[in-house]
Every structure is written in structure tokens, then in C-alpha cells.
Amino acid sequence: MLELVEKYISTRTGVRPTTVAGYGTVINLLKKDPFGKRRIDMVRISDAKCWLIHLQKIEKKSYSSIHSIRGVLRPAFQLAVDDDLIRKNPFQFQLVEVIVNDSVTREAITRGEERKFLQFVKDDPHFSKYYEGIYILFKTGLRISEFCGLTVSDIDFKEHTINIDHQLQKKSKIGYYIQETKTISGTRKIPMTADVEECFRKIIEKRNPPKTEPMIEGKSGFLYFDKDGSICYSLHWEHYFKHIVQKYNKIYKVQMPNVTPHVCRHTYCSNMAKSGMNPKALQYLMGHSDISVTLNTYTHVNLEDAREEVARLRIV
């Protein structure tokens, strides 16, 4: 199995650094696990299922980790099928039918919670410096890596649009690097509302880059920098949100649910869907390649939402 996976990985060229890291994780697992030494023609569907169950129950690996592992093994075994080494792919089954999906669903927060969160950030002496950025995340649905990758030149105040054609990433062994958008649909221009535009103006006015403006793969003019003059990337914002929620919950009895940059994205999409936005327009704004992601993953509709929609249709 280990040799098969290594051969499969050798056929994959031009993959992203995050994908390469995922391949390394699977290789390391197969080197340590006896299952990696199994002959591929001796692996049955039941063996594959039992192994994944073992990874979850005994090795205590999460559903998302196992999903990623199977995401490498399934195409690797398909390569063996295509090469006529085996007749059937033992990993060609629905994962949710085998192991428990224990992934935590990141729910959108309510409009009331969003208002309270934003007001708290705006009024806080320390966190107020992040208010405009957080407001933009809530009101545009940008992926955090897309937001961090924005430069001054990406904000078009004449056309009132935001140009999104790349992401900013950082890995410990690589450092900062520019990556194309998550999908082809991720490359887009989205319109700015007046309030979002005002936030960008304030960010640009207050931005405090180091004396030598950093340049990453030909791009410069990034919007946020930390106290050391390094460009703020996704991990910075994850920490900001975490500390804001912790501080809020120390002060108020009614606790704020977990809010992250990605929850902002969920919340924006959910709010737009509940407001009656055309699903295809929403798909474009979110940069989703598949409309089912827009409809099924991000929109959280409950009984009250359904009642309002039925009442609206009756009026029409």
C-alpha cells in the first residue's frame, strides 16, 4: 500500500503546498501502521472499512483527518485498477456509512449576535483597531485568506468593487506565499456597499507598514501588519477572534457563541439567503464552484424563516 500511494503521489504535479503536506501525513501514517505493508491485491472492502473504523475508535483520529486519508487512498487504488493490478477499488464507498461524522458544524450566528459582537469590538479599547476588518468579513463573506491577500490596489474605489484573484498563505517551512483562489469561481470582483467602502478607506488610512514595504511574489500594499511589522495572515485573525470572544464572555452572562473568520462567512451567506438573494448571485459572491455548497452548507434556515417566506409569498 505504501508503495502504491508513493507512486500515486509521484503522478500528481503542480499541487498546492497544503496538498503536499497532506500527502506527507498519509505517507507517515502508512510507514508506521502495519496496514501500510499490506499487499494491495489482498485488501478487501471490509479490510478498508475496518481499518478506517480502527483509526477513529482506537487511534482517535477525527472524521476530517480520516476523510483526508481516504481522499488519498481512494485515487491511489483507482490508479491500481486503471493499471490492471487489481479488479476493484476497496476504498470506493461512502465514508459516512462507515465511521461517525464527529465534525463540529460551524453555524452562522444570528443578526442580533452579529450586531452585539461588532459593537463590542468597536467599543473595546484594544480590539477596536480590528473593527473595520471584522466588519468587512461579516459584510462580504470573504474567505479569510482572500481578505489577508488583499492589497491597496485590489480595492477599486472608482468602480466600488473588490478584486479577488489570489490568497495569502503562510507555512512554517515555506513562509508567506501567494496562492490562486480556492476554485476557478473564487476569482471574482464583488461590489462594495458604502459602509464596506468606508471601512476600507479607514483601513488604508490607518495602515502602518514597516519602513520597507514587504513584497510577496510581486504583490505589496497589504492591509494589516502585526506589531513586529509582519503581514497579518489567517492565524493572526483566528487569534484575534478567539480573544475577543473570550473577553466578551468574561463580561456578559449571555455568552457569545464561537465566532471565527469562517463563521463570518457562514453568517453573511445565511443572511443573504434569508434576505431572498438569487442563489446564483449568492454563489458568485461566495466564490463557490458548486451551487449545492451555497444552498446546503452555508444557509441555515429554521421554522421562523420558513414562516416568513410563506407569508411573503402569500402577499405576492
C-alpha atoms as a PDB file:
ATOM      1  CA  MET A   1       0.000   0.000   0.000  1.00  0.00           C
ATOM      2  CA  LEU A   2       2.775   2.422   0.897  1.00  0.00           C
ATOM      3  CA  GLU A   3       4.469   1.895  -2.482  1.00  0.00           C
ATOM      4  CA  LEU A   4       1.155   2.411  -4.283  1.00  0.00           C
ATOM      5  CA  VAL A   5       0.490   5.691  -2.517  1.00  0.00           C
ATOM      6  CA  GLU A   6       4.033   6.893  -3.223  1.00  0.00           C
ATOM      7  CA  LYS A   7       3.560   6.040  -6.900  1.00  0.00           C
ATOM      8  CA  TYR A   8       0.219   7.854  -6.989  1.00  0.00           C
ATOM      9  CA  ILE A   9       1.736  10.957  -5.382  1.00  0.00           C
ATOM     10  CA  SER A  10       4.547  10.924  -7.968  1.00  0.00           C
ATOM     11  CA  THR A  11       1.901  11.335 -10.694  1.00  0.00           C
ATOM     12  CA  ARG A  12       0.484  14.448  -9.026  1.00  0.00           C
ATOM     13  CA  THR A  13       2.250  17.563 -10.259  1.00  0.00           C
ATOM     14  CA  GLY A  14       1.536  21.224  -9.665  1.00  0.00           C
ATOM     15  CA  VAL A  15      -0.345  20.620  -6.418  1.00  0.00           C
ATOM     16  CA  ARG A  16      -0.644  23.220  -3.666  1.00  0.00           C
ATOM     17  CA  PRO A  17       1.670  23.241  -0.628  1.00  0.00           C
ATOM     18  CA  THR A  18      -1.253  22.306   1.625  1.00  0.00           C
ATOM     19  CA  THR A  19      -1.931  19.253  -0.550  1.00  0.00           C
ATOM     20  CA  VAL A  20       1.733  18.258  -0.418  1.00  0.00           C
ATOM     21  CA  ALA A  21       1.577  18.492   3.379  1.00  0.00           C
ATOM     22  CA  GLY A  22      -1.494  16.232   3.347  1.00  0.00           C
ATOM     23  CA  TYR A  23       0.351  13.663   1.237  1.00  0.00           C
ATOM     24  CA  GLY A  24       3.188  13.701   3.771  1.00  0.00           C
ATOM     25  CA  THR A  25       0.763  12.993   6.604  1.00  0.00           C
ATOM     26  CA  VAL A  26      -0.635   9.929   4.822  1.00  0.00           C
ATOM     27  CA  ILE A  27       2.855   8.637   3.947  1.00  0.00           C
ATOM     28  CA  ASN A  28       3.993   8.947   7.571  1.00  0.00           C
ATOM     29  CA  LEU A  29       0.875   7.125   8.757  1.00  0.00           C
ATOM     30  CA  LEU A  30       1.369   4.238   6.334  1.00  0.00           C
ATOM     31  CA  LYS A  31       5.043   3.916   7.297  1.00  0.00           C
ATOM     32  CA  LYS A  32       4.077   3.407  10.955  1.00  0.00           C
ATOM     33  CA  ASP A  33       0.854   1.448  10.524  1.00  0.00           C
ATOM     34  CA  PRO A  34       1.036  -2.292   9.666  1.00  0.00           C
ATOM     35  CA  PHE A  35      -1.799  -1.690   7.196  1.00  0.00           C
ATOM     36  CA  GLY A  36       0.657   0.208   5.011  1.00  0.00           C
ATOM     37  CA  LYS A  37       2.610  -3.020   4.422  1.00  0.00           C
ATOM     38  CA  ARG A  38      -0.430  -4.926   3.090  1.00  0.00           C
ATOM     39  CA  ARG A  39      -0.334  -6.200  -0.479  1.00  0.00           C
ATOM     40  CA  ILE A  40      -2.825  -4.175  -2.497  1.00  0.00           C
ATOM     41  CA  ASP A  41      -4.368  -7.280  -4.080  1.00  0.00           C
ATOM     42  CA  MET A  42      -5.093  -8.623  -0.586  1.00  0.00           C
ATOM     43  CA  VAL A  43      -7.007  -5.548   0.640  1.00  0.00           C
ATOM     44  CA  ARG A  44     -10.754  -6.154   0.591  1.00  0.00           C
ATOM     45  CA  ILE A  45     -13.522  -3.595   1.029  1.00  0.00           C
ATOM     46  CA  SER A  46     -14.192  -4.967   4.513  1.00  0.00           C
ATOM     47  CA  ASP A  47     -10.483  -4.570   5.366  1.00  0.00           C
ATOM     48  CA  ALA A  48     -10.525  -0.937   4.276  1.00  0.00           C
ATOM     49  CA  LYS A  49     -13.663  -0.245   6.311  1.00  0.00           C
ATOM     50  CA  CYS A  50     -12.310  -1.967   9.424  1.00  0.00           C
ATOM     51  CA  TRP A  51      -9.063  -0.023   9.176  1.00  0.00           C
ATOM     52  CA  LEU A  52     -10.842   3.334   8.989  1.00  0.00           C
ATOM     53  CA  ILE A  53     -13.013   2.343  11.953  1.00  0.00           C
ATOM     54  CA  HIS A  54      -9.820   1.431  13.824  1.00  0.00           C
ATOM     55  CA  LEU A  55      -8.349   4.851  13.032  1.00  0.00           C
ATOM     56  CA  GLN A  56     -11.367   6.564  14.545  1.00  0.00           C
ATOM     57  CA  LYS A  57     -12.094   4.319  17.540  1.00  0.00           C
ATOM     58  CA  ILE A  58      -8.605   3.204  18.568  1.00  0.00           C
ATOM     59  CA  GLU A  59      -6.259   5.815  17.115  1.00  0.00           C
ATOM     60  CA  LYS A  60      -8.779   8.583  17.973  1.00  0.00           C
ATOM     61  CA  LYS A  61      -8.396  10.324  14.629  1.00  0.00           C
ATOM     62  CA  SER A  62     -11.075  12.835  13.693  1.00  0.00           C
ATOM     63  CA  TYR A  63     -13.564  12.383  10.883  1.00  0.00           C
ATOM     64  CA  SER A  64     -11.918  15.173   8.884  1.00  0.00           C
ATOM     65  CA  SER A  65      -8.481  13.523   9.227  1.00  0.00           C
ATOM     66  CA  ILE A  66      -9.835  10.161   8.086  1.00  0.00           C
ATOM     67  CA  HIS A  67     -11.675  11.892   5.242  1.00  0.00           C
ATOM     68  CA  SER A  68      -8.335  13.335   4.095  1.00  0.00           C
ATOM     69  CA  ILE A  69      -6.580   9.954   4.405  1.00  0.00           C
ATOM     70  CA  ARG A  70      -9.273   8.206   2.377  1.00  0.00           C
ATOM     71  CA  GLY A  71      -9.037  11.107  -0.097  1.00  0.00           C
ATOM     72  CA  VAL A  72      -5.517   9.930  -0.956  1.00  0.00           C
ATOM     73  CA  LEU A  73      -6.050   6.169  -0.750  1.00  0.00           C
ATOM     74  CA  ARG A  74      -9.137   6.049  -2.966  1.00  0.00           C
ATOM     75  CA  PRO A  75      -7.487   7.632  -6.051  1.00  0.00           C
ATOM     76  CA  ALA A  76      -4.288   5.679  -5.344  1.00  0.00           C
ATOM     77  CA  PHE A  77      -6.187   2.384  -5.523  1.00  0.00           C
ATOM     78  CA  GLN A  78      -8.044   3.653  -8.588  1.00  0.00           C
ATOM     79  CA  LEU A  79      -4.648   4.056 -10.218  1.00  0.00           C
ATOM     80  CA  ALA A  80      -4.004   0.373  -9.460  1.00  0.00           C
ATOM     81  CA  VAL A  81      -7.379  -0.522 -11.024  1.00  0.00           C
ATOM     82  CA  ASP A  82      -6.568   1.519 -14.132  1.00  0.00           C
ATOM     83  CA  ASP A  83      -3.184  -0.233 -14.381  1.00  0.00           C
ATOM     84  CA  ASP A  84      -4.966  -3.635 -14.210  1.00  0.00           C
ATOM     85  CA  LEU A  85      -3.162  -4.545 -10.993  1.00  0.00           C
ATOM     86  CA  ILE A  86      -6.433  -5.139  -9.135  1.00  0.00           C
ATOM     87  CA  ARG A  87     -10.055  -5.518 -10.261  1.00  0.00           C
ATOM     88  CA  LYS A  88     -11.896  -3.433  -7.662  1.00  0.00           C
ATOM     89  CA  ASN A  89     -11.140  -0.319  -5.615  1.00  0.00           C
ATOM     90  CA  PRO A  90     -11.577  -1.290  -1.920  1.00  0.00           C
ATOM     91  CA  PHE A  91     -11.942   2.358  -0.849  1.00  0.00           C
ATOM     92  CA  GLN A  92     -14.813   3.140  -3.220  1.00  0.00           C
ATOM     93  CA  PHE A  93     -17.548   3.552  -0.581  1.00  0.00           C
ATOM     94  CA  GLN A  94     -19.381   6.304   1.275  1.00  0.00           C
ATOM     95  CA  LEU A  95     -17.336   7.279   4.310  1.00  0.00           C
ATOM     96  CA  VAL A  96     -20.336   8.417   6.381  1.00  0.00           C
ATOM     97  CA  GLU A  97     -21.733   4.878   6.170  1.00  0.00           C
ATOM     98  CA  VAL A  98     -18.634   3.509   7.920  1.00  0.00           C
ATOM     99  CA  ILE A  99     -17.458   5.997  10.550  1.00  0.00           C
ATOM    100  CA  VAL A 100     -19.203   8.639  12.628  1.00  0.00           C
ATOM    101  CA  ASN A 101     -19.010  12.203  11.375  1.00  0.00           C
ATOM    102  CA  ASP A 102     -17.945  13.972  14.569  1.00  0.00           C
ATOM    103  CA  SER A 103     -17.038  17.212  12.809  1.00  0.00           C
ATOM    104  CA  VAL A 104     -18.259  20.338  14.574  1.00  0.00           C
ATOM    105  CA  THR A 105     -20.618  22.278  12.329  1.00  0.00           C
ATOM    106  CA  ARG A 106     -19.780  25.970  12.279  1.00  0.00           C
ATOM    107  CA  GLU A 107     -23.167  27.607  12.480  1.00  0.00           C
ATOM    108  CA  ALA A 108     -23.958  31.115  11.406  1.00  0.00           C
ATOM    109  CA  ILE A 109     -24.668  33.466  14.278  1.00  0.00           C
ATOM    110  CA  THR A 110     -27.897  35.468  14.449  1.00  0.00           C
ATOM    111  CA  ARG A 111     -28.205  39.063  13.271  1.00  0.00           C
ATOM    112  CA  GLY A 112     -28.551  40.127  16.909  1.00  0.00           C
ATOM    113  CA  GLU A 113     -25.365  38.314  17.905  1.00  0.00           C
ATOM    114  CA  GLU A 114     -23.561  39.844  14.934  1.00  0.00           C
ATOM    115  CA  ARG A 115     -24.608  43.353  15.988  1.00  0.00           C
ATOM    116  CA  LYS A 116     -23.527  42.749  19.603  1.00  0.00           C
ATOM    117  CA  PHE A 117     -20.207  41.284  18.513  1.00  0.00           C
ATOM    118  CA  LEU A 118     -19.419  44.177  16.183  1.00  0.00           C
ATOM    119  CA  GLN A 119     -20.450  46.776  18.764  1.00  0.00           C
ATOM    120  CA  PHE A 120     -18.262  45.111  21.386  1.00  0.00           C
ATOM    121  CA  VAL A 121     -15.260  45.182  19.054  1.00  0.00           C
ATOM    122  CA  LYS A 122     -15.919  48.798  18.082  1.00  0.00           C
ATOM    123  CA  ASP A 123     -16.107  49.937  21.735  1.00  0.00           C
ATOM    124  CA  ASP A 124     -13.194  47.894  23.062  1.00  0.00           C
ATOM    125  CA  PRO A 125     -10.006  49.955  23.616  1.00  0.00           C
ATOM    126  CA  HIS A 126      -7.736  47.156  22.398  1.00  0.00           C
ATOM    127  CA  PHE A 127      -9.720  45.289  19.742  1.00  0.00           C
ATOM    128  CA  SER A 128     -11.277  48.350  18.095  1.00  0.00           C
ATOM    129  CA  LYS A 129      -8.288  48.541  15.729  1.00  0.00           C
ATOM    130  CA  TYR A 130      -9.613  45.379  14.075  1.00  0.00           C
ATOM    131  CA  TYR A 131     -13.204  46.612  13.805  1.00  0.00           C
ATOM    132  CA  GLU A 132     -13.144  47.590  10.115  1.00  0.00           C
ATOM    133  CA  GLY A 133     -11.581  44.278   9.079  1.00  0.00           C
ATOM    134  CA  ILE A 134     -14.080  42.247  11.074  1.00  0.00           C
ATOM    135  CA  TYR A 135     -16.958  44.345   9.736  1.00  0.00           C
ATOM    136  CA  ILE A 136     -15.797  43.635   6.172  1.00  0.00           C
ATOM    137  CA  LEU A 137     -15.622  39.888   6.856  1.00  0.00           C
ATOM    138  CA  PHE A 138     -19.208  39.917   8.140  1.00  0.00           C
ATOM    139  CA  LYS A 139     -20.495  42.035   5.252  1.00  0.00           C
ATOM    140  CA  THR A 140     -18.701  40.457   2.285  1.00  0.00           C
ATOM    141  CA  GLY A 141     -18.337  36.762   3.123  1.00  0.00           C
ATOM    142  CA  LEU A 142     -14.703  36.791   2.027  1.00  0.00           C
ATOM    143  CA  ARG A 143     -12.549  33.805   2.892  1.00  0.00           C
ATOM    144  CA  ILE A 144     -10.010  34.918   5.485  1.00  0.00           C
ATOM    145  CA  SER A 145      -7.092  34.027   3.192  1.00  0.00           C
ATOM    146  CA  GLU A 146      -8.685  36.135   0.446  1.00  0.00           C
ATOM    147  CA  PHE A 147      -9.084  39.068   2.831  1.00  0.00           C
ATOM    148  CA  CYS A 148      -5.491  38.784   4.088  1.00  0.00           C
ATOM    149  CA  GLY A 149      -4.261  38.709   0.485  1.00  0.00           C
ATOM    150  CA  LEU A 150      -5.970  41.973  -0.448  1.00  0.00           C
ATOM    151  CA  THR A 151      -3.685  44.866  -1.310  1.00  0.00           C
ATOM    152  CA  VAL A 152      -4.463  48.557  -1.689  1.00  0.00           C
ATOM    153  CA  SER A 153      -4.603  48.114  -5.478  1.00  0.00           C
ATOM    154  CA  ASP A 154      -7.312  45.432  -5.137  1.00  0.00           C
ATOM    155  CA  ILE A 155      -9.760  47.986  -3.737  1.00  0.00           C
ATOM    156  CA  ASP A 156     -11.298  49.915  -6.627  1.00  0.00           C
ATOM    157  CA  PHE A 157     -12.996  52.984  -5.194  1.00  0.00           C
ATOM    158  CA  LYS A 158     -13.958  54.240  -8.668  1.00  0.00           C
ATOM    159  CA  GLU A 159     -15.839  51.094  -9.624  1.00  0.00           C
ATOM    160  CA  HIS A 160     -16.755  50.326  -5.985  1.00  0.00           C
ATOM    161  CA  THR A 161     -15.508  46.761  -6.289  1.00  0.00           C
ATOM    162  CA  ILE A 162     -13.090  44.378  -4.565  1.00  0.00           C
ATOM    163  CA  ASN A 163     -10.811  42.368  -6.842  1.00  0.00           C
ATOM    164  CA  ILE A 164     -10.250  38.814  -5.608  1.00  0.00           C
ATOM    165  CA  ASP A 165      -7.799  36.769  -7.646  1.00  0.00           C
ATOM    166  CA  HIS A 166      -5.421  35.325  -5.036  1.00  0.00           C
ATOM    167  CA  GLN A 167      -4.998  34.285  -1.404  1.00  0.00           C
ATOM    168  CA  LEU A 168      -2.237  34.920   1.114  1.00  0.00           C
ATOM    169  CA  GLN A 169      -0.965  31.814   2.885  1.00  0.00           C
ATOM    170  CA  LYS A 170       1.866  31.041   5.276  1.00  0.00           C
ATOM    171  CA  LYS A 171       3.529  27.755   6.196  1.00  0.00           C
ATOM    172  CA  SER A 172       6.319  27.338   8.731  1.00  0.00           C
ATOM    173  CA  LYS A 173       8.783  25.793   6.267  1.00  0.00           C
ATOM    174  CA  ILE A 174       7.805  27.998   3.336  1.00  0.00           C
ATOM    175  CA  GLY A 175       6.935  31.350   4.855  1.00  0.00           C
ATOM    176  CA  TYR A 176       4.485  33.662   3.134  1.00  0.00           C
ATOM    177  CA  TYR A 177       3.324  32.760  -0.346  1.00  0.00           C
ATOM    178  CA  ILE A 178       0.586  33.745  -2.785  1.00  0.00           C
ATOM    179  CA  GLN A 179      -1.856  31.082  -3.885  1.00  0.00           C
ATOM    180  CA  GLU A 180      -4.556  31.190  -6.528  1.00  0.00           C
ATOM    181  CA  THR A 181      -8.143  31.285  -5.308  1.00  0.00           C
ATOM    182  CA  LYS A 182      -9.618  28.083  -3.880  1.00  0.00           C
ATOM    183  CA  THR A 183     -11.578  27.401  -7.072  1.00  0.00           C
ATOM    184  CA  ILE A 184     -11.835  28.981 -10.520  1.00  0.00           C
ATOM    185  CA  SER A 185     -15.090  30.518  -9.317  1.00  0.00           C
ATOM    186  CA  GLY A 186     -13.163  32.066  -6.426  1.00  0.00           C
ATOM    187  CA  THR A 187     -11.620  34.575  -8.832  1.00  0.00           C
ATOM    188  CA  ARG A 188     -14.194  37.339  -8.936  1.00  0.00           C
ATOM    189  CA  LYS A 189     -14.977  41.016  -8.440  1.00  0.00           C
ATOM    190  CA  ILE A 190     -17.543  41.770  -5.777  1.00  0.00           C
ATOM    191  CA  PRO A 191     -19.400  45.060  -5.292  1.00  0.00           C
ATOM    192  CA  MET A 192     -18.755  47.188  -2.210  1.00  0.00           C
ATOM    193  CA  THR A 193     -21.587  48.704  -0.240  1.00  0.00           C
ATOM    194  CA  ALA A 194     -20.997  52.243   1.035  1.00  0.00           C
ATOM    195  CA  ASP A 195     -20.299  51.034   4.598  1.00  0.00           C
ATOM    196  CA  VAL A 196     -17.782  48.414   3.433  1.00  0.00           C
ATOM    197  CA  GLU A 197     -16.102  51.012   1.233  1.00  0.00           C
ATOM    198  CA  GLU A 198     -15.814  53.376   4.187  1.00  0.00           C
ATOM    199  CA  CYS A 199     -14.172  50.608   6.238  1.00  0.00           C
ATOM    200  CA  PHE A 200     -11.590  50.041   3.511  1.00  0.00           C
ATOM    201  CA  ARG A 201     -10.844  53.763   3.388  1.00  0.00           C
ATOM    202  CA  LYS A 202     -10.198  53.783   7.130  1.00  0.00           C
ATOM    203  CA  ILE A 203      -8.004  50.673   6.937  1.00  0.00           C
ATOM    204  CA  ILE A 204      -5.878  52.199   4.176  1.00  0.00           C
ATOM    205  CA  GLU A 205      -5.671  55.496   6.048  1.00  0.00           C
ATOM    206  CA  LYS A 206      -4.524  53.786   9.259  1.00  0.00           C
ATOM    207  CA  ARG A 207      -2.317  51.050   7.777  1.00  0.00           C
ATOM    208  CA  ASN A 208       1.138  51.067   9.278  1.00  0.00           C
ATOM    209  CA  PRO A 209       3.564  49.041   7.149  1.00  0.00           C
ATOM    210  CA  PRO A 210       7.243  48.677   8.098  1.00  0.00           C
ATOM    211  CA  LYS A 211       9.755  51.078   6.530  1.00  0.00           C
ATOM    212  CA  THR A 212      10.477  48.579   3.796  1.00  0.00           C
ATOM    213  CA  GLU A 213       7.113  47.550   2.378  1.00  0.00           C
ATOM    214  CA  PRO A 214       7.092  43.728   2.185  1.00  0.00           C
ATOM    215  CA  MET A 215       6.553  42.137  -1.214  1.00  0.00           C
ATOM    216  CA  ILE A 216       5.257  38.595  -1.658  1.00  0.00           C
ATOM    217  CA  GLU A 217       5.609  37.172  -5.173  1.00  0.00           C
ATOM    218  CA  GLY A 218       5.284  40.607  -6.751  1.00  0.00           C
ATOM    219  CA  LYS A 219       2.445  41.814  -4.528  1.00  0.00           C
ATOM    220  CA  SER A 220       2.740  44.597  -1.977  1.00  0.00           C
ATOM    221  CA  GLY A 221       0.453  47.049  -0.216  1.00  0.00           C
ATOM    222  CA  PHE A 222      -1.128  44.536   2.175  1.00  0.00           C
ATOM    223  CA  LEU A 223      -3.683  45.991   4.575  1.00  0.00           C
ATOM    224  CA  TYR A 224      -2.775  44.731   8.055  1.00  0.00           C
ATOM    225  CA  PHE A 225       0.527  44.214   9.887  1.00  0.00           C
ATOM    226  CA  ASP A 226       1.243  42.905  13.373  1.00  0.00           C
ATOM    227  CA  LYS A 227       3.345  44.696  16.000  1.00  0.00           C
ATOM    228  CA  ASP A 228       6.531  43.231  14.509  1.00  0.00           C
ATOM    229  CA  GLY A 229       5.741  44.553  11.048  1.00  0.00           C
ATOM    230  CA  SER A 230       4.808  41.139   9.626  1.00  0.00           C
ATOM    231  CA  ILE A 231       1.813  40.831   7.308  1.00  0.00           C
ATOM    232  CA  CYS A 232      -1.266  39.597   9.144  1.00  0.00           C
ATOM    233  CA  TYR A 233      -2.449  36.242   7.793  1.00  0.00           C
ATOM    234  CA  SER A 234      -5.252  33.857   8.738  1.00  0.00           C
ATOM    235  CA  LEU A 235      -3.721  32.649  12.021  1.00  0.00           C
ATOM    236  CA  HIS A 236      -3.474  36.236  13.301  1.00  0.00           C
ATOM    237  CA  TRP A 237      -7.187  36.743  12.730  1.00  0.00           C
ATOM    238  CA  GLU A 238      -8.107  33.382  14.268  1.00  0.00           C
ATOM    239  CA  HIS A 239      -6.334  34.532  17.436  1.00  0.00           C
ATOM    240  CA  TYR A 240      -7.973  37.969  17.396  1.00  0.00           C
ATOM    241  CA  PHE A 241     -11.436  36.424  17.170  1.00  0.00           C
ATOM    242  CA  LYS A 242     -10.657  33.889  19.887  1.00  0.00           C
ATOM    243  CA  HIS A 243      -9.506  36.567  22.341  1.00  0.00           C
ATOM    244  CA  ILE A 244     -12.476  38.825  21.522  1.00  0.00           C
ATOM    245  CA  VAL A 245     -14.972  36.047  22.274  1.00  0.00           C
ATOM    246  CA  GLN A 246     -13.135  35.151  25.500  1.00  0.00           C
ATOM    247  CA  LYS A 247     -13.180  38.763  26.683  1.00  0.00           C
ATOM    248  CA  TYR A 248     -16.851  39.202  25.756  1.00  0.00           C
ATOM    249  CA  ASN A 249     -17.862  36.062  27.649  1.00  0.00           C
ATOM    250  CA  LYS A 250     -15.969  37.160  30.759  1.00  0.00           C
ATOM    251  CA  ILE A 251     -18.013  40.348  30.858  1.00  0.00           C
ATOM    252  CA  TYR A 252     -21.524  39.226  29.888  1.00  0.00           C
ATOM    253  CA  LYS A 253     -23.730  36.484  31.333  1.00  0.00           C
ATOM    254  CA  VAL A 254     -25.349  35.766  27.965  1.00  0.00           C
ATOM    255  CA  GLN A 255     -22.475  34.053  26.235  1.00  0.00           C
ATOM    256  CA  MET A 256     -21.385  34.716  22.665  1.00  0.00           C
ATOM    257  CA  PRO A 257     -21.078  31.500  20.611  1.00  0.00           C
ATOM    258  CA  ASN A 258     -17.761  30.681  18.998  1.00  0.00           C
ATOM    259  CA  VAL A 259     -17.102  33.285  16.298  1.00  0.00           C
ATOM    260  CA  THR A 260     -14.303  32.792  13.788  1.00  0.00           C
ATOM    261  CA  PRO A 261     -13.499  34.370  10.425  1.00  0.00           C
ATOM    262  CA  HIS A 262     -15.202  31.411   8.776  1.00  0.00           C
ATOM    263  CA  VAL A 263     -18.311  31.905  10.916  1.00  0.00           C
ATOM    264  CA  CYS A 264     -18.434  35.442   9.469  1.00  0.00           C
ATOM    265  CA  ARG A 265     -18.550  33.849   6.019  1.00  0.00           C
ATOM    266  CA  HIS A 266     -21.327  31.443   7.079  1.00  0.00           C
ATOM    267  CA  THR A 267     -23.252  34.310   8.605  1.00  0.00           C
ATOM    268  CA  TYR A 268     -23.010  36.517   5.524  1.00  0.00           C
ATOM    269  CA  CYS A 269     -24.182  33.739   3.219  1.00  0.00           C
ATOM    270  CA  SER A 270     -27.019  32.787   5.548  1.00  0.00           C
ATOM    271  CA  ASN A 271     -28.158  36.400   5.885  1.00  0.00           C
ATOM    272  CA  MET A 272     -28.125  36.940   2.125  1.00  0.00           C
ATOM    273  CA  ALA A 273     -30.077  33.731   1.534  1.00  0.00           C
ATOM    274  CA  LYS A 274     -32.681  34.689   4.147  1.00  0.00           C
ATOM    275  CA  SER A 275     -32.983  38.127   2.536  1.00  0.00           C
ATOM    276  CA  GLY A 276     -34.089  36.428  -0.677  1.00  0.00           C
ATOM    277  CA  MET A 277     -30.948  36.902  -2.799  1.00  0.00           C
ATOM    278  CA  ASN A 278     -30.909  34.969  -6.042  1.00  0.00           C
ATOM    279  CA  PRO A 279     -28.992  31.722  -5.307  1.00  0.00           C
ATOM    280  CA  LYS A 280     -26.813  32.070  -8.428  1.00  0.00           C
ATOM    281  CA  ALA A 281     -25.867  35.634  -7.450  1.00  0.00           C
ATOM    282  CA  LEU A 282     -25.025  34.400  -3.961  1.00  0.00           C
ATOM    283  CA  GLN A 283     -22.961  31.558  -5.410  1.00  0.00           C
ATOM    284  CA  TYR A 284     -20.945  34.133  -7.387  1.00  0.00           C
ATOM    285  CA  LEU A 285     -20.397  36.389  -4.368  1.00  0.00           C
ATOM    286  CA  MET A 286     -19.230  33.461  -2.240  1.00  0.00           C
ATOM    287  CA  GLY A 287     -16.948  32.119  -4.964  1.00  0.00           C
ATOM    288  CA  HIS A 288     -18.484  28.641  -4.797  1.00  0.00           C
ATOM    289  CA  SER A 289     -17.860  26.345  -7.754  1.00  0.00           C
ATOM    290  CA  ASP A 290     -20.963  24.288  -6.961  1.00  0.00           C
ATOM    291  CA  ILE A 291     -24.387  25.761  -6.186  1.00  0.00           C
ATOM    292  CA  SER A 292     -25.057  22.865  -3.783  1.00  0.00           C
ATOM    293  CA  VAL A 293     -22.340  24.241  -1.473  1.00  0.00           C
ATOM    294  CA  THR A 294     -24.137  27.575  -1.370  1.00  0.00           C
ATOM    295  CA  LEU A 295     -27.516  26.017  -0.723  1.00  0.00           C
ATOM    296  CA  ASN A 296     -26.637  23.145   1.585  1.00  0.00           C
ATOM    297  CA  THR A 297     -23.502  24.038   3.527  1.00  0.00           C
ATOM    298  CA  TYR A 298     -23.853  27.679   4.403  1.00  0.00           C
ATOM    299  CA  THR A 299     -27.525  28.508   4.631  1.00  0.00           C
ATOM    300  CA  HIS A 300     -29.229  27.842   7.955  1.00  0.00           C
ATOM    301  CA  VAL A 301     -32.987  28.129   7.636  1.00  0.00           C
ATOM    302  CA  ASN A 302     -35.349  27.377  10.511  1.00  0.00           C
ATOM    303  CA  LEU A 303     -39.117  27.285  11.075  1.00  0.00           C
ATOM    304  CA  GLU A 304     -39.421  31.043  11.556  1.00  0.00           C
ATOM    305  CA  ASP A 305     -37.566  31.683   8.305  1.00  0.00           C
ATOM    306  CA  ALA A 306     -39.927  29.297   6.514  1.00  0.00           C
ATOM    307  CA  ARG A 307     -42.982  31.017   8.030  1.00  0.00           C
ATOM    308  CA  GLU A 308     -41.763  34.437   6.889  1.00  0.00           C
ATOM    309  CA  GLU A 309     -41.158  33.144   3.368  1.00  0.00           C
ATOM    310  CA  VAL A 310     -44.620  31.554   3.153  1.00  0.00           C
ATOM    311  CA  ALA A 311     -46.198  34.773   4.433  1.00  0.00           C
ATOM    312  CA  ARG A 312     -44.226  36.811   1.868  1.00  0.00           C
ATOM    313  CA  LEU A 313     -45.359  34.574  -0.979  1.00  0.00           C
ATOM    314  CA  ARG A 314     -48.993  34.873   0.132  1.00  0.00           C
ATOM    315  CA  ILE A 315     -48.751  38.647  -0.039  1.00  0.00           C
ATOM    316  CA  VAL A 316     -47.309  38.498  -3.535  1.00  0.00           C
END
